[in-house]
Amino acid sequence: MKKLLIASTALVATAGMAAADITITGHAAAGIHSGLDDVSTTSNTTDIAGDGVYSNAGVDFTMTGATDNGISFSASVNIDAGTEIDAGDFEFDGADGGTAGLGSVSMTGSFGTLTFDNAGIDNLYDSDFTAADVSYSTTVGAVSLSVAHDVAGAADGNSMSAGYAASGMTFTLAASEAAAGTSSSLSVAYALNDSVSVTGKTDQGAGAESVQTITAATTLNGVSVSVSSANNSTWDVDLGYTAGGFALTYGVDETDAWTATATTALGGGATFSAGVDSNDATYAGVSFAF
């Protein structure tokens, strides 16, 4: 039983269907943190978490199968417990409920993909908007289409996206309802070659001035550089270096706010990571994948 919980496992059964699989994986993390933004409270102000220790573990069950007529389906269940941080955003997420949670349930066929996930589907325009409960995606020729809907009828609960790629160029359109009207964005990315790309984006938030941003990015011999600038006087510079399972990142913006992170693979599914930012927030710890 112990091996079943800590190693990826597949169980295969056939009972009136083409195939059915259940995969079990596990994850864990532990470390120290200081000065992270505390998002575990419902306060409208930004609180700061003090010095502390985080540790968490979880088990994920992913079930997939297919009907005899070629419709594939999947569902997931996860059990998580402990205290968590969001290293990418330098945030303290707090204690997990320690209960089993149902993930998405989806069906895919020639008609496209239909997904159900109660308040678990990100808004296609802005993930900070109300999460959706059901989504549908399909491809029409070279165009990919997705729509998401919140059944409770939130003002910003409906969203859509469309994408098209040809000759090194990628076009992406996203839009969402909002209380003040419709918000939308259009981006065009062009790959100059295998290592250099340029992206232009215009974003029109409901009731706000449109913002145009241009970004140039390049990667060569493990070194990455990304520079972006917008017409609202904001800019970002991000640097990265990777080699042999080791990675360093550094980012700074127009407010002189910066972040620096380091990660390294320890082998056997273990990874060490650490970070510090201009607000003196820090974290360091090890994560494991089973």
C-alpha atoms as a PDB file:
ATOM      1  CA  MET A   1       0.000   0.000   0.000  1.00  0.00           C
ATOM      2  CA  LYS A   2       2.854   2.395   0.735  1.00  0.00           C
ATOM      3  CA  LYS A   3       4.246   1.951  -2.764  1.00  0.00           C
ATOM      4  CA  LEU A   4       0.821   2.630  -4.220  1.00  0.00           C
ATOM      5  CA  LEU A   5       0.701   6.058  -2.585  1.00  0.00           C
ATOM      6  CA  ILE A   6       4.183   7.314  -3.393  1.00  0.00           C
ATOM      7  CA  ALA A   7       4.720   6.008  -6.917  1.00  0.00           C
ATOM      8  CA  SER A   8       2.919   6.654 -10.183  1.00  0.00           C
ATOM      9  CA  THR A   9       0.526   3.754 -10.690  1.00  0.00           C
ATOM     10  CA  ALA A  10      -1.746   2.772 -13.564  1.00  0.00           C
ATOM     11  CA  LEU A  11      -4.674   0.378 -13.188  1.00  0.00           C
ATOM     12  CA  VAL A  12      -6.194  -0.915 -16.401  1.00  0.00           C
ATOM     13  CA  ALA A  13      -9.727  -2.305 -16.658  1.00  0.00           C
ATOM     14  CA  THR A  14     -12.124  -3.102 -19.468  1.00  0.00           C
ATOM     15  CA  ALA A  15     -15.855  -3.242 -18.867  1.00  0.00           C
ATOM     16  CA  GLY A  16     -17.947  -2.063 -21.785  1.00  0.00           C
ATOM     17  CA  MET A  17     -15.395   0.563 -22.809  1.00  0.00           C
ATOM     18  CA  ALA A  18     -12.294   0.740 -24.971  1.00  0.00           C
ATOM     19  CA  ALA A  19      -9.907   1.468 -22.095  1.00  0.00           C
ATOM     20  CA  ALA A  20      -9.813   2.954 -18.623  1.00  0.00           C
ATOM     21  CA  ASP A  21      -6.791   4.079 -16.632  1.00  0.00           C
ATOM     22  CA  ILE A  22      -6.267   5.425 -13.124  1.00  0.00           C
ATOM     23  CA  THR A  23      -2.950   7.157 -12.440  1.00  0.00           C
ATOM     24  CA  ILE A  24      -1.862   8.022  -8.908  1.00  0.00           C
ATOM     25  CA  THR A  25       0.900  10.582  -8.300  1.00  0.00           C
ATOM     26  CA  GLY A  26       2.148  12.350  -5.200  1.00  0.00           C
ATOM     27  CA  HIS A  27       3.903  15.604  -4.342  1.00  0.00           C
ATOM     28  CA  ALA A  28       5.372  17.267  -1.274  1.00  0.00           C
ATOM     29  CA  ALA A  29       7.303  20.415  -0.322  1.00  0.00           C
ATOM     30  CA  ALA A  30       8.967  21.895   2.740  1.00  0.00           C
ATOM     31  CA  GLY A  31      11.040  24.945   3.562  1.00  0.00           C
ATOM     32  CA  ILE A  32      11.251  28.327   5.263  1.00  0.00           C
ATOM     33  CA  HIS A  33       9.759  31.718   4.346  1.00  0.00           C
ATOM     34  CA  SER A  34       9.866  35.335   5.501  1.00  0.00           C
ATOM     35  CA  GLY A  35       7.990  38.497   4.522  1.00  0.00           C
ATOM     36  CA  LEU A  36       5.766  36.964   1.828  1.00  0.00           C
ATOM     37  CA  ASP A  37       2.447  38.615   0.910  1.00  0.00           C
ATOM     38  CA  ASP A  38      -0.211  36.878   3.011  1.00  0.00           C
ATOM     39  CA  VAL A  39      -3.146  35.939   0.745  1.00  0.00           C
ATOM     40  CA  SER A  40      -4.574  33.422   3.205  1.00  0.00           C
ATOM     41  CA  THR A  41      -6.863  36.064   4.757  1.00  0.00           C
ATOM     42  CA  THR A  42      -9.944  37.799   3.351  1.00  0.00           C
ATOM     43  CA  SER A  43      -8.650  41.250   4.298  1.00  0.00           C
ATOM     44  CA  ASN A  44      -8.808  43.935   1.595  1.00  0.00           C
ATOM     45  CA  THR A  45      -5.333  45.100   2.616  1.00  0.00           C
ATOM     46  CA  THR A  46      -2.073  43.352   1.786  1.00  0.00           C
ATOM     47  CA  ASP A  47      -0.796  41.645   4.920  1.00  0.00           C
ATOM     48  CA  ILE A  48       2.747  40.347   5.319  1.00  0.00           C
ATOM     49  CA  ALA A  49       3.413  36.867   6.664  1.00  0.00           C
ATOM     50  CA  GLY A  50       6.127  36.673   9.296  1.00  0.00           C
ATOM     51  CA  ASP A  51       8.988  34.203   9.513  1.00  0.00           C
ATOM     52  CA  GLY A  52       7.770  30.638   9.330  1.00  0.00           C
ATOM     53  CA  VAL A  53       8.047  27.117   8.014  1.00  0.00           C
ATOM     54  CA  TYR A  54       5.877  25.569   5.303  1.00  0.00           C
ATOM     55  CA  SER A  55       5.354  21.880   4.613  1.00  0.00           C
ATOM     56  CA  ASN A  56       2.708  20.137   2.557  1.00  0.00           C
ATOM     57  CA  ALA A  57       1.940  16.911   0.753  1.00  0.00           C
ATOM     58  CA  GLY A  58      -0.721  15.646  -1.582  1.00  0.00           C
ATOM     59  CA  VAL A  59      -1.958  12.777  -3.710  1.00  0.00           C
ATOM     60  CA  ASP A  60      -3.556  13.231  -7.137  1.00  0.00           C
ATOM     61  CA  PHE A  61      -5.807  10.695  -8.838  1.00  0.00           C
ATOM     62  CA  THR A  62      -6.299  11.079 -12.597  1.00  0.00           C
ATOM     63  CA  MET A  63      -8.847   8.844 -14.310  1.00  0.00           C
ATOM     64  CA  THR A  64      -9.019   8.551 -18.095  1.00  0.00           C
ATOM     65  CA  GLY A  65     -10.914   6.346 -20.494  1.00  0.00           C
ATOM     66  CA  ALA A  66     -12.638   6.107 -23.838  1.00  0.00           C
ATOM     67  CA  THR A  67     -16.020   4.858 -25.009  1.00  0.00           C
ATOM     68  CA  ASP A  68     -16.393   2.334 -27.800  1.00  0.00           C
ATOM     69  CA  ASN A  69     -17.440   5.110 -30.196  1.00  0.00           C
ATOM     70  CA  GLY A  70     -14.220   7.098 -29.627  1.00  0.00           C
ATOM     71  CA  ILE A  71     -15.201   9.703 -27.013  1.00  0.00           C
ATOM     72  CA  SER A  72     -12.426  10.090 -24.446  1.00  0.00           C
ATOM     73  CA  PHE A  73     -13.129  11.319 -20.931  1.00  0.00           C
ATOM     74  CA  SER A  74     -11.159  12.221 -17.833  1.00  0.00           C
ATOM     75  CA  ALA A  75     -11.680  13.201 -14.202  1.00  0.00           C
ATOM     76  CA  SER A  76      -9.392  14.067 -11.317  1.00  0.00           C
ATOM     77  CA  VAL A  77      -9.473  14.041  -7.523  1.00  0.00           C
ATOM     78  CA  ASN A  78      -6.797  15.474  -5.234  1.00  0.00           C
ATOM     79  CA  ILE A  79      -6.062  15.294  -1.515  1.00  0.00           C
ATOM     80  CA  ASP A  80      -3.784  18.029  -0.144  1.00  0.00           C
ATOM     81  CA  ALA A  81      -2.749  18.949   3.389  1.00  0.00           C
ATOM     82  CA  GLY A  82      -0.244  21.261   5.044  1.00  0.00           C
ATOM     83  CA  THR A  83       0.896  24.858   4.621  1.00  0.00           C
ATOM     84  CA  GLU A  84       1.643  26.219   1.155  1.00  0.00           C
ATOM     85  CA  ILE A  85       3.471  29.131  -0.487  1.00  0.00           C
ATOM     86  CA  ASP A  86       3.294  30.465  -4.050  1.00  0.00           C
ATOM     87  CA  ALA A  87       6.961  30.845  -4.976  1.00  0.00           C
ATOM     88  CA  GLY A  88       6.183  32.420  -8.354  1.00  0.00           C
ATOM     89  CA  ASP A  89       4.277  35.331  -6.776  1.00  0.00           C
ATOM     90  CA  PHE A  90       6.124  35.472  -3.432  1.00  0.00           C
ATOM     91  CA  GLU A  91       2.845  34.757  -1.615  1.00  0.00           C
ATOM     92  CA  PHE A  92       1.925  32.839   1.539  1.00  0.00           C
ATOM     93  CA  ASP A  93      -1.159  30.753   0.737  1.00  0.00           C
ATOM     94  CA  GLY A  94      -1.670  29.390   4.242  1.00  0.00           C
ATOM     95  CA  ALA A  95      -3.093  26.082   5.402  1.00  0.00           C
ATOM     96  CA  ASP A  96      -4.825  23.699   3.026  1.00  0.00           C
ATOM     97  CA  GLY A  97      -8.115  22.241   4.179  1.00  0.00           C
ATOM     98  CA  GLY A  98      -6.775  18.681   4.157  1.00  0.00           C
ATOM     99  CA  THR A  99      -9.865  17.416   2.328  1.00  0.00           C
ATOM    100  CA  ALA A 100     -10.411  15.644  -0.968  1.00  0.00           C
ATOM    101  CA  GLY A 101     -11.263  17.945  -3.844  1.00  0.00           C
ATOM    102  CA  LEU A 102     -12.859  17.169  -7.192  1.00  0.00           C
ATOM    103  CA  GLY A 103     -11.023  18.570 -10.189  1.00  0.00           C
ATOM    104  CA  SER A 104     -12.334  18.870 -13.720  1.00  0.00           C
ATOM    105  CA  VAL A 105     -14.414  16.320 -15.598  1.00  0.00           C
ATOM    106  CA  SER A 106     -14.041  16.513 -19.375  1.00  0.00           C
ATOM    107  CA  MET A 107     -15.174  14.750 -22.539  1.00  0.00           C
ATOM    108  CA  THR A 108     -13.375  14.981 -25.885  1.00  0.00           C
ATOM    109  CA  GLY A 109     -14.443  13.849 -29.327  1.00  0.00           C
ATOM    110  CA  SER A 110     -14.840  15.051 -32.888  1.00  0.00           C
ATOM    111  CA  PHE A 111     -17.147  17.734 -31.471  1.00  0.00           C
ATOM    112  CA  GLY A 112     -14.335  19.262 -29.370  1.00  0.00           C
ATOM    113  CA  THR A 113     -13.772  19.245 -25.601  1.00  0.00           C
ATOM    114  CA  LEU A 114     -16.424  19.921 -22.969  1.00  0.00           C
ATOM    115  CA  THR A 115     -15.139  20.560 -19.431  1.00  0.00           C
ATOM    116  CA  PHE A 116     -17.008  20.835 -16.113  1.00  0.00           C
ATOM    117  CA  ASP A 117     -15.260  22.234 -13.038  1.00  0.00           C
ATOM    118  CA  ASN A 118     -17.275  24.166 -10.447  1.00  0.00           C
ATOM    119  CA  ALA A 119     -15.557  27.589 -10.064  1.00  0.00           C
ATOM    120  CA  GLY A 120     -12.346  25.988 -11.287  1.00  0.00           C
ATOM    121  CA  ILE A 121     -11.929  27.239 -14.875  1.00  0.00           C
ATOM    122  CA  ASP A 122      -9.879  30.419 -15.260  1.00  0.00           C
ATOM    123  CA  ASN A 123     -11.466  33.340 -17.066  1.00  0.00           C
ATOM    124  CA  LEU A 124      -9.975  33.264 -20.587  1.00  0.00           C
ATOM    125  CA  TYR A 125      -9.269  37.021 -20.588  1.00  0.00           C
ATOM    126  CA  ASP A 126      -8.050  37.579 -17.022  1.00  0.00           C
ATOM    127  CA  SER A 127      -7.563  34.906 -14.348  1.00  0.00           C
ATOM    128  CA  ASP A 128      -8.390  37.527 -11.688  1.00  0.00           C
ATOM    129  CA  PHE A 129     -11.971  37.674 -13.027  1.00  0.00           C
ATOM    130  CA  THR A 130     -14.667  35.267 -11.809  1.00  0.00           C
ATOM    131  CA  ALA A 131     -13.792  31.642 -12.526  1.00  0.00           C
ATOM    132  CA  ALA A 132     -16.132  29.692 -14.811  1.00  0.00           C
ATOM    133  CA  ASP A 133     -17.885  26.377 -14.218  1.00  0.00           C
ATOM    134  CA  VAL A 134     -18.082  24.966 -17.753  1.00  0.00           C
ATOM    135  CA  SER A 135     -16.053  25.484 -20.911  1.00  0.00           C
ATOM    136  CA  TYR A 136     -16.052  24.310 -24.511  1.00  0.00           C
ATOM    137  CA  SER A 137     -13.144  24.309 -26.942  1.00  0.00           C
ATOM    138  CA  THR A 138     -12.811  23.216 -30.548  1.00  0.00           C
ATOM    139  CA  THR A 139     -10.834  23.822 -33.725  1.00  0.00           C
ATOM    140  CA  VAL A 140     -12.329  25.169 -36.930  1.00  0.00           C
ATOM    141  CA  GLY A 141      -9.770  24.831 -39.686  1.00  0.00           C
ATOM    142  CA  ALA A 142      -6.632  26.601 -38.423  1.00  0.00           C
ATOM    143  CA  VAL A 143      -8.533  28.557 -35.754  1.00  0.00           C
ATOM    144  CA  SER A 144      -8.792  27.360 -32.144  1.00  0.00           C
ATOM    145  CA  LEU A 145     -11.843  28.554 -30.198  1.00  0.00           C
ATOM    146  CA  SER A 146     -12.763  28.405 -26.491  1.00  0.00           C
ATOM    147  CA  VAL A 147     -15.660  29.744 -24.436  1.00  0.00           C
ATOM    148  CA  ALA A 148     -16.178  29.642 -20.656  1.00  0.00           C
ATOM    149  CA  HIS A 149     -19.364  30.255 -18.654  1.00  0.00           C
ATOM    150  CA  ASP A 150     -20.177  30.873 -14.992  1.00  0.00           C
ATOM    151  CA  VAL A 151     -23.600  29.360 -14.303  1.00  0.00           C
ATOM    152  CA  ALA A 152     -24.189  31.724 -11.358  1.00  0.00           C
ATOM    153  CA  GLY A 153     -24.305  34.631 -13.814  1.00  0.00           C
ATOM    154  CA  ALA A 154     -21.480  36.798 -12.443  1.00  0.00           C
ATOM    155  CA  ALA A 155     -21.006  40.051 -14.380  1.00  0.00           C
ATOM    156  CA  ASP A 156     -17.534  38.931 -15.491  1.00  0.00           C
ATOM    157  CA  GLY A 157     -18.304  35.222 -15.650  1.00  0.00           C
ATOM    158  CA  ASN A 158     -18.383  34.723 -19.436  1.00  0.00           C
ATOM    159  CA  SER A 159     -15.231  34.784 -21.578  1.00  0.00           C
ATOM    160  CA  MET A 160     -13.868  33.569 -24.897  1.00  0.00           C
ATOM    161  CA  SER A 161     -10.587  33.190 -26.742  1.00  0.00           C
ATOM    162  CA  ALA A 162      -9.492  32.490 -30.308  1.00  0.00           C
ATOM    163  CA  GLY A 163      -6.090  31.664 -31.750  1.00  0.00           C
ATOM    164  CA  TYR A 164      -4.550  31.339 -35.198  1.00  0.00           C
ATOM    165  CA  ALA A 165      -0.984  30.519 -36.257  1.00  0.00           C
ATOM    166  CA  ALA A 166       0.643  30.650 -39.696  1.00  0.00           C
ATOM    167  CA  SER A 167       4.070  31.408 -41.160  1.00  0.00           C
ATOM    168  CA  GLY A 168       5.716  32.075 -37.794  1.00  0.00           C
ATOM    169  CA  MET A 169       2.967  34.438 -36.632  1.00  0.00           C
ATOM    170  CA  THR A 170       0.484  33.722 -33.837  1.00  0.00           C
ATOM    171  CA  PHE A 171      -2.689  35.758 -33.308  1.00  0.00           C
ATOM    172  CA  THR A 172      -4.592  35.538 -30.009  1.00  0.00           C
ATOM    173  CA  LEU A 173      -7.875  37.255 -29.178  1.00  0.00           C
ATOM    174  CA  ALA A 174      -9.469  37.111 -25.711  1.00  0.00           C
ATOM    175  CA  ALA A 175     -12.548  38.843 -24.327  1.00  0.00           C
ATOM    176  CA  SER A 176     -14.732  38.805 -21.239  1.00  0.00           C
ATOM    177  CA  GLU A 177     -17.886  40.412 -19.957  1.00  0.00           C
ATOM    178  CA  ALA A 178     -17.435  42.827 -17.051  1.00  0.00           C
ATOM    179  CA  ALA A 179     -19.664  45.039 -14.940  1.00  0.00           C
ATOM    180  CA  ALA A 180     -18.504  48.110 -16.899  1.00  0.00           C
ATOM    181  CA  GLY A 181     -18.819  46.474 -20.338  1.00  0.00           C
ATOM    182  CA  THR A 182     -16.599  44.189 -22.395  1.00  0.00           C
ATOM    183  CA  SER A 183     -12.873  43.758 -21.868  1.00  0.00           C
ATOM    184  CA  SER A 184     -10.725  42.444 -24.717  1.00  0.00           C
ATOM    185  CA  SER A 185      -7.128  41.937 -25.792  1.00  0.00           C
ATOM    186  CA  LEU A 186      -5.424  41.127 -29.092  1.00  0.00           C
ATOM    187  CA  SER A 187      -1.825  39.970 -29.351  1.00  0.00           C
ATOM    188  CA  VAL A 188       0.368  39.183 -32.347  1.00  0.00           C
ATOM    189  CA  ALA A 189       3.597  37.240 -31.873  1.00  0.00           C
ATOM    190  CA  TYR A 190       6.209  36.733 -34.571  1.00  0.00           C
ATOM    191  CA  ALA A 191       9.189  34.384 -34.378  1.00  0.00           C
ATOM    192  CA  LEU A 192      12.060  36.039 -36.233  1.00  0.00           C
ATOM    193  CA  ASN A 193      14.069  32.825 -35.909  1.00  0.00           C
ATOM    194  CA  ASP A 194      14.540  29.954 -33.453  1.00  0.00           C
ATOM    195  CA  SER A 195      15.856  32.258 -30.705  1.00  0.00           C
ATOM    196  CA  VAL A 196      14.230  35.688 -31.200  1.00  0.00           C
ATOM    197  CA  SER A 197      10.536  36.629 -31.009  1.00  0.00           C
ATOM    198  CA  VAL A 198       8.573  39.876 -30.931  1.00  0.00           C
ATOM    199  CA  THR A 199       5.061  40.320 -29.504  1.00  0.00           C
ATOM    200  CA  GLY A 200       2.673  43.243 -29.781  1.00  0.00           C
ATOM    201  CA  LYS A 201      -0.479  43.441 -27.649  1.00  0.00           C
ATOM    202  CA  THR A 202      -3.354  45.849 -27.206  1.00  0.00           C
ATOM    203  CA  ASP A 203      -5.541  45.481 -24.109  1.00  0.00           C
ATOM    204  CA  GLN A 204      -8.828  47.352 -23.699  1.00  0.00           C
ATOM    205  CA  GLY A 205     -10.202  46.910 -20.182  1.00  0.00           C
ATOM    206  CA  ALA A 206     -13.868  47.801 -19.705  1.00  0.00           C
ATOM    207  CA  GLY A 207     -14.159  51.480 -18.819  1.00  0.00           C
ATOM    208  CA  ALA A 208     -10.400  52.037 -19.053  1.00  0.00           C
ATOM    209  CA  GLU A 209      -7.906  53.386 -21.558  1.00  0.00           C
ATOM    210  CA  SER A 210      -6.408  50.826 -23.913  1.00  0.00           C
ATOM    211  CA  VAL A 211      -2.815  49.777 -23.238  1.00  0.00           C
ATOM    212  CA  GLN A 212      -0.384  48.813 -26.001  1.00  0.00           C
ATOM    213  CA  THR A 213       2.640  46.700 -25.112  1.00  0.00           C
ATOM    214  CA  ILE A 214       5.546  45.462 -27.191  1.00  0.00           C
ATOM    215  CA  THR A 215       7.852  42.672 -26.012  1.00  0.00           C
ATOM    216  CA  ALA A 216      11.079  41.310 -27.460  1.00  0.00           C
ATOM    217  CA  ALA A 217      12.563  38.039 -26.212  1.00  0.00           C
ATOM    218  CA  THR A 218      15.631  36.013 -27.080  1.00  0.00           C
ATOM    219  CA  THR A 219      17.243  32.805 -25.844  1.00  0.00           C
ATOM    220  CA  LEU A 220      20.766  31.692 -26.728  1.00  0.00           C
ATOM    221  CA  ASN A 221      23.085  29.173 -25.079  1.00  0.00           C
ATOM    222  CA  GLY A 222      20.951  29.002 -21.941  1.00  0.00           C
ATOM    223  CA  VAL A 223      20.689  32.790 -21.536  1.00  0.00           C
ATOM    224  CA  SER A 224      17.249  34.389 -21.948  1.00  0.00           C
ATOM    225  CA  VAL A 225      16.354  38.082 -22.125  1.00  0.00           C
ATOM    226  CA  SER A 226      12.853  39.569 -22.300  1.00  0.00           C
ATOM    227  CA  VAL A 227      12.152  43.313 -22.493  1.00  0.00           C
ATOM    228  CA  SER A 228       8.666  44.832 -22.622  1.00  0.00           C
ATOM    229  CA  SER A 229       7.388  48.415 -22.695  1.00  0.00           C
ATOM    230  CA  ALA A 230       3.862  49.861 -22.702  1.00  0.00           C
ATOM    231  CA  ASN A 231       2.334  53.235 -23.531  1.00  0.00           C
ATOM    232  CA  ASN A 232       1.248  53.685 -19.894  1.00  0.00           C
ATOM    233  CA  SER A 233       4.897  54.194 -18.855  1.00  0.00           C
ATOM    234  CA  THR A 234       5.334  50.664 -17.503  1.00  0.00           C
ATOM    235  CA  TRP A 235       8.166  48.310 -18.472  1.00  0.00           C
ATOM    236  CA  ASP A 236       9.717  45.002 -17.449  1.00  0.00           C
ATOM    237  CA  VAL A 237      13.110  43.383 -17.958  1.00  0.00           C
ATOM    238  CA  ASP A 238      13.535  39.663 -17.245  1.00  0.00           C
ATOM    239  CA  LEU A 239      16.815  37.746 -17.386  1.00  0.00           C
ATOM    240  CA  GLY A 240      17.368  34.019 -17.073  1.00  0.00           C
ATOM    241  CA  TYR A 241      20.124  31.426 -17.209  1.00  0.00           C
ATOM    242  CA  THR A 242      19.786  27.636 -17.308  1.00  0.00           C
ATOM    243  CA  ALA A 243      22.425  24.920 -17.452  1.00  0.00           C
ATOM    244  CA  GLY A 244      22.458  21.296 -16.380  1.00  0.00           C
ATOM    245  CA  GLY A 245      19.306  21.406 -14.246  1.00  0.00           C
ATOM    246  CA  PHE A 246      20.259  24.724 -12.653  1.00  0.00           C
ATOM    247  CA  ALA A 247      18.303  27.925 -13.333  1.00  0.00           C
ATOM    248  CA  LEU A 248      18.603  31.578 -12.297  1.00  0.00           C
ATOM    249  CA  THR A 249      16.077  34.352 -12.955  1.00  0.00           C
ATOM    250  CA  TYR A 250      16.040  38.080 -12.323  1.00  0.00           C
ATOM    251  CA  GLY A 251      13.269  40.546 -13.100  1.00  0.00           C
ATOM    252  CA  VAL A 252      12.828  44.293 -12.558  1.00  0.00           C
ATOM    253  CA  ASP A 253      10.139  46.831 -13.502  1.00  0.00           C
ATOM    254  CA  GLU A 254       9.625  50.595 -13.736  1.00  0.00           C
ATOM    255  CA  THR A 255       9.104  50.891  -9.960  1.00  0.00           C
ATOM    256  CA  ASP A 256      12.534  49.320  -9.313  1.00  0.00           C
ATOM    257  CA  ALA A 257      10.749  46.322  -7.784  1.00  0.00           C
ATOM    258  CA  TRP A 258      12.804  43.213  -8.476  1.00  0.00           C
ATOM    259  CA  THR A 259      12.789  39.464  -7.859  1.00  0.00           C
ATOM    260  CA  ALA A 260      15.584  36.897  -8.023  1.00  0.00           C
ATOM    261  CA  THR A 261      15.160  33.126  -7.918  1.00  0.00           C
ATOM    262  CA  ALA A 262      17.325  30.023  -8.172  1.00  0.00           C
ATOM    263  CA  THR A 263      16.324  26.395  -8.723  1.00  0.00           C
ATOM    264  CA  THR A 264      18.312  23.220  -9.128  1.00  0.00           C
ATOM    265  CA  ALA A 265      17.320  19.610  -9.756  1.00  0.00           C
ATOM    266  CA  LEU A 266      18.539  17.258  -7.036  1.00  0.00           C
ATOM    267  CA  GLY A 267      17.572  14.060  -8.841  1.00  0.00           C
ATOM    268  CA  GLY A 268      14.943  11.487  -8.016  1.00  0.00           C
ATOM    269  CA  GLY A 269      12.121  13.993  -8.490  1.00  0.00           C
ATOM    270  CA  ALA A 270      13.481  16.479  -5.927  1.00  0.00           C
ATOM    271  CA  THR A 271      14.117  20.171  -6.643  1.00  0.00           C
ATOM    272  CA  PHE A 272      15.629  22.894  -4.464  1.00  0.00           C
ATOM    273  CA  SER A 273      14.379  26.466  -4.953  1.00  0.00           C
ATOM    274  CA  ALA A 274      15.024  29.825  -3.298  1.00  0.00           C
ATOM    275  CA  GLY A 275      14.018  33.404  -3.936  1.00  0.00           C
ATOM    276  CA  VAL A 276      14.315  36.975  -2.683  1.00  0.00           C
ATOM    277  CA  ASP A 277      12.662  40.223  -3.775  1.00  0.00           C
ATOM    278  CA  SER A 278      13.036  43.977  -3.271  1.00  0.00           C
ATOM    279  CA  ASN A 279      10.611  43.874  -0.319  1.00  0.00           C
ATOM    280  CA  ASP A 280      12.990  41.560   1.585  1.00  0.00           C
ATOM    281  CA  ALA A 281      10.621  38.618   1.128  1.00  0.00           C
ATOM    282  CA  THR A 282      12.468  35.301   0.979  1.00  0.00           C
ATOM    283  CA  TYR A 283      11.818  31.580   0.703  1.00  0.00           C
ATOM    284  CA  ALA A 284      13.942  28.445   0.409  1.00  0.00           C
ATOM    285  CA  GLY A 285      12.914  24.836   0.301  1.00  0.00           C
ATOM    286  CA  VAL A 286      12.725  21.503  -1.454  1.00  0.00           C
ATOM    287  CA  SER A 287       9.850  20.027  -3.460  1.00  0.00           C
ATOM    288  CA  PHE A 288       9.320  16.388  -4.387  1.00  0.00           C
ATOM    289  CA  ALA A 289       7.384  14.629  -7.135  1.00  0.00           C
ATOM    290  CA  PHE A 290       6.468  10.957  -6.622  1.00  0.00           C
END
